[in-house]
Amino acid sequence: MNTIMRWTTLLVFCCVLSSWAVAQPTNRSRGGGMQRFFNSGIMSLFRIPDVQAELDLSRDTAELIFALQADLFSEYRNARRDKSSSEELPSADDVAAQSGPVAERLLSTILDPNQYKRLQELWLQRRGLRAIAMDDLADALQLDESQRETTGKLVQQLSRNYGRGKISDEDAEIAKEITATLTPEQQKQWEKMLGRPFNF
């Protein structure tokens, strides 16, 4: 993609996300939904040098992504500042949930197909089995209603530290239960979606 197209993509991204950014209440805790999006969403992976190396990001692409993050934060802060605090607004979680899919669509434009595929694999590895509770992944694995209900309840029992460093014995047991809800074919599909193991 040429430079003009990349920066056009950045502009569109910032405009779309800033329109959602105003949906966060001003009386929420500092950072709120957008902070959570950058700290735990797919964009957080770009702060890891080893991930940048794994994706073989060019200097131009890396600068575009970092500019996207900086500009988005700027647009977000300005939008919140100009929004009336008396209006009824969605929660920070809603803002973060809406931001993720948009980020992924735009990243699929910024990155080449191999980079984007690897990014998705790394993101699933980072999330671990917690990702199975996401609707799009449940759809991809073709989970039935019973499996969705069971995995959803089990995922809620995982600790906040699951997927970051050493896994506790309790989380390991819950992970086994989640895996056991999948059919052999679904387990193979899940392993395929994870791609080559990566050390975070």
Protein backbone atom coordinates (compact mmCIF):
# COMPACT_ATOMS: atom_id res chain seq x y z
CA MET A 1 0.00 0.00 0.00
CA ASN A 2 1.36 3.44 -0.86
CA THR A 3 2.00 6.17 1.71
CA ILE A 4 -1.04 8.27 0.74
CA MET A 5 -3.36 5.29 1.14
CA ARG A 6 -1.84 4.37 4.49
CA TRP A 7 -2.33 7.87 5.89
CA THR A 8 -5.84 7.98 4.48
CA THR A 9 -6.51 4.78 6.39
CA LEU A 10 -5.17 6.40 9.55
CA LEU A 11 -7.43 9.41 9.10
CA VAL A 12 -10.52 7.24 8.59
CA PHE A 13 -9.62 5.15 11.62
CA CYS A 14 -9.24 8.17 13.87
CA CYS A 15 -12.52 9.68 12.67
CA VAL A 16 -14.48 6.47 13.23
CA LEU A 17 -12.96 5.72 16.62
CA SER A 18 -13.26 9.27 17.88
CA SER A 19 -16.98 9.16 17.16
CA TRP A 20 -17.20 6.15 19.46
CA ALA A 21 -14.81 7.63 21.99
CA VAL A 22 -17.38 10.23 23.02
CA ALA A 23 -19.59 7.37 24.11
CA GLN A 24 -17.57 6.92 27.27
CA PRO A 25 -18.94 8.64 30.39
CA THR A 26 -16.74 11.38 31.78
CA ASN A 27 -17.31 10.18 35.33
CA ARG A 28 -15.60 6.84 34.72
CA SER A 29 -12.20 5.92 36.12
CA ARG A 30 -9.14 7.39 34.46
CA GLY A 31 -8.42 5.93 31.03
CA GLY A 32 -11.72 4.05 30.75
CA GLY A 33 -12.64 2.04 27.70
CA MET A 34 -10.03 3.42 25.33
CA GLN A 35 -7.25 2.93 27.88
CA ARG A 36 -8.44 -0.64 28.35
CA PHE A 37 -8.48 -1.07 24.56
CA PHE A 38 -4.80 -0.11 24.24
CA ASN A 39 -3.69 -1.96 27.38
CA SER A 40 -5.36 -5.28 26.65
CA GLY A 41 -6.63 -5.14 23.06
CA ILE A 42 -4.88 -6.28 19.91
CA MET A 43 -3.12 -2.89 19.62
CA SER A 44 -1.25 -3.64 22.86
CA LEU A 45 0.83 -6.25 21.02
CA PHE A 46 2.65 -3.55 19.08
CA ARG A 47 4.27 -2.28 22.28
CA ILE A 48 6.23 -5.56 22.50
CA PRO A 49 9.56 -5.36 20.60
CA ASP A 50 9.64 -9.13 19.98
CA VAL A 51 6.21 -8.92 18.35
CA GLN A 52 7.40 -6.13 16.08
CA ALA A 53 10.33 -8.35 15.07
CA GLU A 54 8.07 -11.39 14.62
CA LEU A 55 5.84 -9.41 12.27
CA ASP A 56 8.87 -7.99 10.47
CA LEU A 57 7.37 -4.51 10.54
CA SER A 58 9.00 -1.97 8.29
CA ARG A 59 9.91 1.37 9.80
CA ASP A 60 7.13 3.08 7.82
CA THR A 61 4.50 0.60 8.95
CA ALA A 62 5.59 0.78 12.58
CA GLU A 63 5.53 4.59 12.48
CA LEU A 64 2.05 4.54 10.96
CA ILE A 65 0.71 2.27 13.70
CA PHE A 66 2.30 4.34 16.46
CA ALA A 67 0.97 7.53 14.84
CA LEU A 68 -2.45 5.90 14.72
CA GLN A 69 -2.29 5.23 18.46
CA ALA A 70 -1.10 8.74 19.29
CA ASP A 71 -3.66 10.46 17.07
CA LEU A 72 -6.47 8.29 18.34
CA PHE A 73 -5.67 9.17 21.95
CA SER A 74 -5.57 12.84 21.00
CA GLU A 75 -8.93 12.65 19.20
CA TYR A 76 -10.37 10.70 22.11
CA ARG A 77 -9.27 13.23 24.73
CA ASN A 78 -10.60 16.13 22.66
CA ALA A 79 -13.94 14.39 22.12
CA ARG A 80 -14.35 13.68 25.84
CA ARG A 81 -13.44 17.25 26.73
CA ASP A 82 -16.10 18.64 24.39
CA LYS A 83 -18.84 16.20 25.45
CA SER A 84 -21.45 17.26 27.96
CA SER A 85 -21.11 15.29 31.20
CA SER A 86 -24.89 15.37 31.71
CA GLU A 87 -25.66 13.09 28.77
CA GLU A 88 -26.58 9.43 29.20
CA LEU A 89 -23.71 7.44 27.67
CA PRO A 90 -22.68 3.77 27.19
CA SER A 91 -20.13 2.16 29.46
CA ALA A 92 -16.35 2.02 29.05
CA ASP A 93 -16.65 -1.69 28.28
CA ASP A 94 -18.94 -0.88 25.35
CA VAL A 95 -16.40 1.60 23.98
CA ALA A 96 -13.59 -0.96 24.23
CA ALA A 97 -15.74 -3.68 22.64
CA GLN A 98 -16.61 -1.43 19.69
CA SER A 99 -13.02 -0.28 19.21
CA GLY A 100 -11.53 -3.75 18.77
CA PRO A 101 -13.29 -4.80 15.55
CA VAL A 102 -12.58 -1.44 13.93
CA ALA A 103 -8.90 -1.70 14.86
CA GLU A 104 -8.70 -5.18 13.38
CA ARG A 105 -10.30 -4.08 10.11
CA LEU A 106 -7.92 -1.16 9.77
CA LEU A 107 -4.88 -3.24 10.72
CA SER A 108 -5.82 -5.71 7.99
CA THR A 109 -5.41 -2.78 5.59
CA ILE A 110 -2.16 -1.47 7.04
CA LEU A 111 -0.42 -4.85 7.33
CA ASP A 112 0.22 -7.28 4.50
CA PRO A 113 -1.80 -10.55 4.58
CA ASN A 114 0.98 -12.63 6.17
CA GLN A 115 1.62 -10.02 8.86
CA TYR A 116 -2.05 -9.71 9.67
CA LYS A 117 -2.52 -13.49 9.84
CA ARG A 118 0.43 -13.78 12.21
CA LEU A 119 -0.88 -10.89 14.30
CA GLN A 120 -4.19 -12.70 14.72
CA GLU A 121 -2.33 -15.86 15.78
CA LEU A 122 -0.30 -13.92 18.34
CA TRP A 123 -3.43 -12.23 19.64
CA LEU A 124 -5.14 -15.61 20.16
CA GLN A 125 -2.03 -16.96 21.89
CA ARG A 126 -2.00 -13.92 24.15
CA ARG A 127 -5.69 -14.30 24.98
CA GLY A 128 -5.48 -18.06 25.34
CA LEU A 129 -8.68 -20.05 25.83
CA ARG A 130 -10.36 -16.87 27.08
CA ALA A 131 -10.76 -15.98 23.39
CA ILE A 132 -13.17 -18.88 22.87
CA ALA A 133 -15.88 -16.87 24.62
CA MET A 134 -15.76 -14.25 21.85
CA ASP A 135 -18.65 -14.59 19.41
CA ASP A 136 -16.55 -14.46 16.25
CA LEU A 137 -14.24 -17.21 17.48
CA ALA A 138 -17.14 -19.32 18.73
CA ASP A 139 -18.63 -18.95 15.24
CA ALA A 140 -15.33 -19.94 13.60
CA LEU A 141 -15.12 -23.06 15.78
CA GLN A 142 -18.84 -23.75 15.17
CA LEU A 143 -19.63 -24.10 18.86
CA ASP A 144 -23.20 -25.12 19.59
CA GLU A 145 -25.35 -23.31 22.17
CA SER A 146 -24.46 -25.75 24.96
CA GLN A 147 -20.73 -25.32 24.30
CA ARG A 148 -21.06 -21.53 24.20
CA GLU A 149 -22.87 -21.47 27.50
CA THR A 150 -20.39 -23.81 29.18
CA THR A 151 -17.24 -22.14 27.86
CA GLY A 152 -18.67 -18.69 28.67
CA LYS A 153 -19.16 -19.62 32.32
CA LEU A 154 -15.73 -21.26 32.57
CA VAL A 155 -13.94 -18.32 30.97
CA GLN A 156 -15.44 -16.01 33.58
CA GLN A 157 -13.74 -18.10 36.26
CA LEU A 158 -10.25 -17.54 34.82
CA SER A 159 -8.12 -15.10 36.78
CA ARG A 160 -7.11 -11.74 35.33
CA ASN A 161 -3.51 -12.98 35.10
CA TYR A 162 -4.40 -15.91 32.86
CA GLY A 163 -2.35 -15.72 29.66
CA ARG A 164 0.34 -13.56 31.23
CA GLY A 165 3.32 -15.55 32.38
CA LYS A 166 2.99 -18.62 34.58
CA ILE A 167 -0.50 -20.13 34.74
CA SER A 168 -1.86 -20.92 38.19
CA ASP A 169 -3.01 -24.45 39.02
CA GLU A 170 -6.60 -23.22 39.27
CA ASP A 171 -6.47 -21.59 35.83
CA ALA A 172 -4.82 -24.70 34.38
CA GLU A 173 -7.72 -26.85 35.62
CA ILE A 174 -10.29 -24.44 34.18
CA ALA A 175 -8.40 -24.42 30.86
CA LYS A 176 -8.59 -28.22 30.78
CA GLU A 177 -12.35 -28.05 31.33
CA ILE A 178 -12.74 -25.52 28.51
CA THR A 179 -10.69 -27.69 26.15
CA ALA A 180 -12.74 -30.74 27.13
CA THR A 181 -15.92 -29.03 25.92
CA LEU A 182 -14.50 -28.96 22.38
CA THR A 183 -14.77 -31.86 19.96
CA PRO A 184 -11.50 -33.33 18.60
CA GLU A 185 -12.11 -31.48 15.33
CA GLN A 186 -12.67 -28.19 17.14
CA GLN A 187 -9.52 -28.72 19.19
CA LYS A 188 -7.51 -29.26 15.99
CA GLN A 189 -9.03 -26.11 14.48
CA TRP A 190 -8.14 -24.14 17.62
CA GLU A 191 -4.53 -25.31 17.51
CA LYS A 192 -4.35 -24.38 13.83
CA MET A 193 -5.68 -20.90 14.57
CA LEU A 194 -2.97 -20.37 17.19
CA GLY A 195 -0.19 -20.90 14.66
CA ARG A 196 3.47 -21.32 15.55
CA PRO A 197 4.05 -20.95 19.33
CA PHE A 198 5.45 -17.59 20.41
CA ASN A 199 7.11 -16.66 23.69
CA PHE A 200 5.68 -13.44 25.10
